[in-house]
Amino acid sequence: MRVFIFTLFILLIGSCTTKLMQNNVTKIEGFDKQGHRGCRGLMPENTIPAMLHALDLNVTTLELDVVITKDKQVVVSHEPFFNHDITTKPNGEAVTAAEEKGLNIFQMNYEQVKTYDVGLKPHPRFPQQKKIAAAKPLLRELFDSVAAYMQSHNRPQPYFNIETKCLPVGDGIYHPKPDEFVELLMAVIKEKKLEERVIIQSFDFRTLQYLHQHYPQMKTAMLIEDDDKRRIEKQVEALGFQPTIYSPHYSLVNAELISYCRPKKIKLIPWTVNTKEEIEQLKKMGVDGIISDYPNLF
């Protein structure tokens, strides 16, 4: 009987601890500070060191991109190939602009992907970026690293704003079709029990539509390019449902967008805002958050 009572006690303590860990999450009740690709202006983009440094700068959300490998792994990367601006080949040579698109991640197993360095080459547009050796990480590795880092520092866990890097023209060439892409991504999110802390964003509305149909509980963000001149009503109509977040290029933010989003409780979070002056101006206009390469400016 004593053994039974002791065992029950241990199970109850374990259950309470799990609930406490799940509840120790950043609450985005105020302004949502999102670190773009971690903190691209300061550290190599979409790498684990960039994410951890962004957390040290007190972002509430880590913004990142994912692609799919030949062996169906979800990898953190802005392009489905190795961008020449950031990549060094395994033999130490720099990737050139002419060859980058031939280095197709969808045609490589992850064991090959991780042999390329994406942290040592000086970035032509981000001179403040610290240079360190880094590989494109698996999404699950990034999730684990962030969780361990925040727990070790006794800080609340962040949110993740994850972009699916796909377009109709790339189906079967640079990535799987939207349904398979989403299922592979959701498998990792569910494995780590992060459904409540993940937003999935995309310029490709097909992935958002699939999510809405099959995972209606997931938060979604519709990304809008700066050359998309349609009114927001037409954009939402094309999507087919009301997203959690409307995320346009920051130059498109105006009073009309704010007056549309606010009564509908759609959060307005523009990208990518990289000066203190523009950040403050957008805050005054009433946006709900900002995505920036320089989260040190928040």
Foldseek 3Di string as FASTA:
>chain_A
DVVVVVVVVVVVVVVVVVVVQVPLADDLPAFAAEAAQLQVLAAQGVFLVSVVVSVVLPGQEYEWEWAAACVGFIWTDQFQWADQQFKAALVRHGDDPVCTVVRGRNDHDVVRQQSIWRFAHQGPVRNNYDGDTTGTGTPLVSVVSQSVSCVVVVHGGHAYEYEYPDDPVCDPPRHHPLVSSLVSVVVSCVVVVNQVRYEYEYCHLVNVLNCCVPPVSHAYEYEAEPPPPDDPVVVCVVSPHQGQEYEYALVPDDLSVVVVCVVVNRAYEYDDDEDLVSVVVVVVSPHRYYYYSHSNSD
